[in-house]
Amino acid sequence: MRLLLLGLLLMGWALPALAVEPDEVLKDPALESRARTISKELRCLVCQNESIDDSQADLAKDLRLLVRERIVAGDSDGEVKDYLVARYGEFVLLKPPFNPGTYLLWSAPFLTIALGGFVIWRRLKAAARVADGDTLSPAEEARLAQRLSGRSEAP
């Protein structure tokens, strides 16, 4: 059973490597390396959580072929990305650019941490205030002791 699980785990790691099919690979290793680098930075529009380099979707294959066509045509890496962004929008980029349209996206993790820290600070402050301010007077302590011992006091 352990060998079966190990085999499945190893096959799961190998799946992204199988996404780029042999007929897609460029003959020039330098151009293929560039294509793989660019493909790892582009989002599969079907899967959305994978790069086109890792995705086995048909659209991802089409995008990988398009990247390779543009590279063979002489486009730089930036020109290839600009072409795809012009065609599909900034959503095609796995790492969105830092511009006014994405400020909230980039700052959301920091805002979440700050908000969480503020909530924790307020709760700790409220707990300290309750702990400091809720002491019993000697009369209240005597009355509580009587009630806990089973005797009741007339009001």
Protein backbone atom coordinates (compact mmCIF):
# COMPACT_ATOMS: atom_id res chain seq x y z
CA MET A 1 0.00 0.00 0.00
CA ARG A 2 2.86 2.39 0.85
CA LEU A 3 4.53 1.67 -2.49
CA LEU A 4 1.28 2.46 -4.30
CA LEU A 5 0.93 5.77 -2.46
CA LEU A 6 4.57 6.62 -3.17
CA GLY A 7 4.06 5.82 -6.85
CA LEU A 8 0.95 8.03 -7.02
CA LEU A 9 2.80 10.85 -5.28
CA LEU A 10 5.70 10.62 -7.74
CA MET A 11 3.29 10.56 -10.69
CA GLY A 12 1.57 13.67 -9.32
CA TRP A 13 4.89 15.50 -9.29
CA ALA A 14 5.58 14.40 -12.85
CA LEU A 15 2.25 15.62 -14.27
CA PRO A 16 3.31 19.25 -14.79
CA ALA A 17 6.32 18.02 -16.71
CA LEU A 18 3.96 16.17 -19.05
CA ALA A 19 2.00 19.34 -19.85
CA VAL A 20 4.43 20.49 -22.54
CA GLU A 21 4.13 17.91 -25.28
CA PRO A 22 7.08 16.83 -27.43
CA ASP A 23 5.59 18.38 -30.58
CA GLU A 24 5.62 21.79 -28.88
CA VAL A 25 9.30 21.81 -27.94
CA LEU A 26 11.53 24.09 -30.01
CA LYS A 27 14.69 22.61 -31.53
CA ASP A 28 16.88 25.46 -30.23
CA PRO A 29 17.47 24.86 -26.48
CA ALA A 30 17.97 28.58 -25.78
CA LEU A 31 14.64 29.50 -27.40
CA GLU A 32 12.90 26.61 -25.64
CA SER A 33 14.31 27.79 -22.31
CA ARG A 34 12.93 31.28 -22.97
CA ALA A 35 9.55 29.81 -23.93
CA ARG A 36 9.41 27.75 -20.73
CA THR A 37 10.36 30.76 -18.61
CA ILE A 38 7.64 32.91 -20.20
CA SER A 39 5.08 30.08 -19.98
CA LYS A 40 5.68 29.77 -16.24
CA GLU A 41 4.70 33.44 -15.83
CA LEU A 42 1.41 33.17 -17.75
CA ARG A 43 -1.89 32.00 -16.24
CA CYS A 44 -3.96 29.26 -17.81
CA LEU A 45 -7.26 30.97 -18.54
CA VAL A 46 -9.13 27.68 -18.01
CA CYS A 47 -7.43 26.40 -14.84
CA GLN A 48 -6.64 29.86 -13.42
CA ASN A 49 -4.44 28.50 -10.65
CA GLU A 50 -1.79 27.05 -12.94
CA SER A 51 0.67 28.45 -15.38
CA ILE A 52 0.26 27.50 -19.02
CA ASP A 53 3.51 25.57 -18.61
CA ASP A 54 1.86 23.30 -16.02
CA SER A 55 -1.64 23.08 -17.48
CA GLN A 56 -2.88 20.34 -19.77
CA ALA A 57 -5.90 22.33 -20.98
CA ASP A 58 -6.27 22.78 -24.74
CA LEU A 59 -6.22 26.57 -24.40
CA ALA A 60 -2.96 26.36 -22.44
CA LYS A 61 -1.44 24.32 -25.26
CA ASP A 62 -2.60 26.95 -27.76
CA LEU A 63 -1.02 29.69 -25.64
CA ARG A 64 2.24 27.73 -25.32
CA LEU A 65 2.34 27.37 -29.12
CA LEU A 66 1.58 31.08 -29.51
CA VAL A 67 4.45 31.96 -27.15
CA ARG A 68 6.81 29.78 -29.18
CA GLU A 69 5.60 31.32 -32.47
CA ARG A 70 6.25 34.82 -31.16
CA ILE A 71 9.72 33.84 -29.91
CA VAL A 72 10.63 32.25 -33.25
CA ALA A 73 9.35 35.42 -34.97
CA GLY A 74 11.97 37.38 -33.01
CA ASP A 75 9.90 38.96 -30.23
CA SER A 76 11.61 39.68 -26.91
CA ASP A 77 10.20 38.22 -23.69
CA GLY A 78 8.51 41.52 -22.88
CA GLU A 79 7.00 41.78 -26.35
CA VAL A 80 5.55 38.26 -26.06
CA LYS A 81 3.95 39.11 -22.70
CA ASP A 82 2.70 42.48 -24.01
CA TYR A 83 1.12 40.72 -27.00
CA LEU A 84 -0.72 38.26 -24.75
CA VAL A 85 -1.79 41.00 -22.32
CA ALA A 86 -3.15 43.04 -25.24
CA ARG A 87 -5.06 40.00 -26.42
CA TYR A 88 -6.28 38.54 -23.09
CA GLY A 89 -5.86 41.32 -20.51
CA GLU A 90 -3.65 41.51 -17.43
CA PHE A 91 -5.42 38.46 -15.99
CA VAL A 92 -3.17 36.29 -18.17
CA LEU A 93 -0.18 37.28 -16.00
CA LEU A 94 0.36 35.10 -12.92
CA LYS A 95 2.07 38.02 -11.19
CA PRO A 96 0.01 41.16 -11.82
CA PRO A 97 1.89 44.43 -12.31
CA PHE A 98 2.02 47.02 -9.54
CA ASN A 99 -0.13 49.87 -10.84
CA PRO A 100 -3.10 51.92 -9.58
CA GLY A 101 -5.54 49.24 -10.72
CA THR A 102 -3.83 46.61 -8.57
CA TYR A 103 -2.86 48.61 -5.46
CA LEU A 104 -5.64 46.99 -3.41
CA LEU A 105 -4.64 43.53 -4.61
CA TRP A 106 -1.01 44.06 -3.61
CA SER A 107 -1.84 45.71 -0.28
CA ALA A 108 -4.57 43.25 0.80
CA PRO A 109 -2.22 40.90 2.70
CA PHE A 110 -0.70 43.79 4.67
CA LEU A 111 -4.13 45.30 5.38
CA THR A 112 -5.40 41.92 6.58
CA ILE A 113 -2.45 41.50 8.95
CA ALA A 114 -2.87 45.06 10.25
CA LEU A 115 -6.61 44.56 10.79
CA GLY A 116 -5.99 41.26 12.58
CA GLY A 117 -3.37 42.89 14.80
CA PHE A 118 -5.76 45.74 15.62
CA VAL A 119 -8.56 43.31 16.56
CA ILE A 120 -6.21 41.29 18.78
CA TRP A 121 -4.88 44.47 20.44
CA ARG A 122 -8.45 45.70 21.15
CA ARG A 123 -9.50 42.36 22.64
CA LEU A 124 -6.42 42.16 24.84
CA LYS A 125 -6.98 45.74 25.96
CA ALA A 126 -10.65 45.00 26.77
CA ALA A 127 -9.71 41.83 28.65
CA ALA A 128 -7.12 43.72 30.71
CA ARG A 129 -9.66 46.44 31.48
CA VAL A 130 -12.21 43.85 32.67
CA ALA A 131 -9.61 42.04 34.76
CA ASP A 132 -8.42 45.26 36.41
CA GLY A 133 -11.81 46.84 37.02
CA ASP A 134 -13.88 43.89 38.22
CA THR A 135 -12.60 43.37 41.76
CA LEU A 136 -15.11 42.76 44.55
CA SER A 137 -15.49 45.01 47.52
CA PRO A 138 -15.06 43.44 50.99
CA ALA A 139 -18.87 43.48 51.49
CA GLU A 140 -19.42 41.74 48.15
CA GLU A 141 -16.75 39.16 48.97
CA ALA A 142 -18.45 38.40 52.33
CA ARG A 143 -21.85 38.05 50.65
CA LEU A 144 -20.38 35.77 47.95
CA ALA A 145 -18.67 33.62 50.58
CA GLN A 146 -21.98 33.23 52.44
CA ARG A 147 -23.83 32.22 49.28
CA LEU A 148 -21.15 29.76 48.29
CA SER A 149 -21.19 28.16 51.73
CA GLY A 150 -24.94 27.58 51.44
CA ARG A 151 -26.20 30.32 53.73
CA SER A 152 -28.37 32.97 52.23
CA GLU A 153 -28.44 36.52 53.40
CA ALA A 154 -31.54 38.65 53.56
CA PRO A 155 -31.33 41.67 51.28
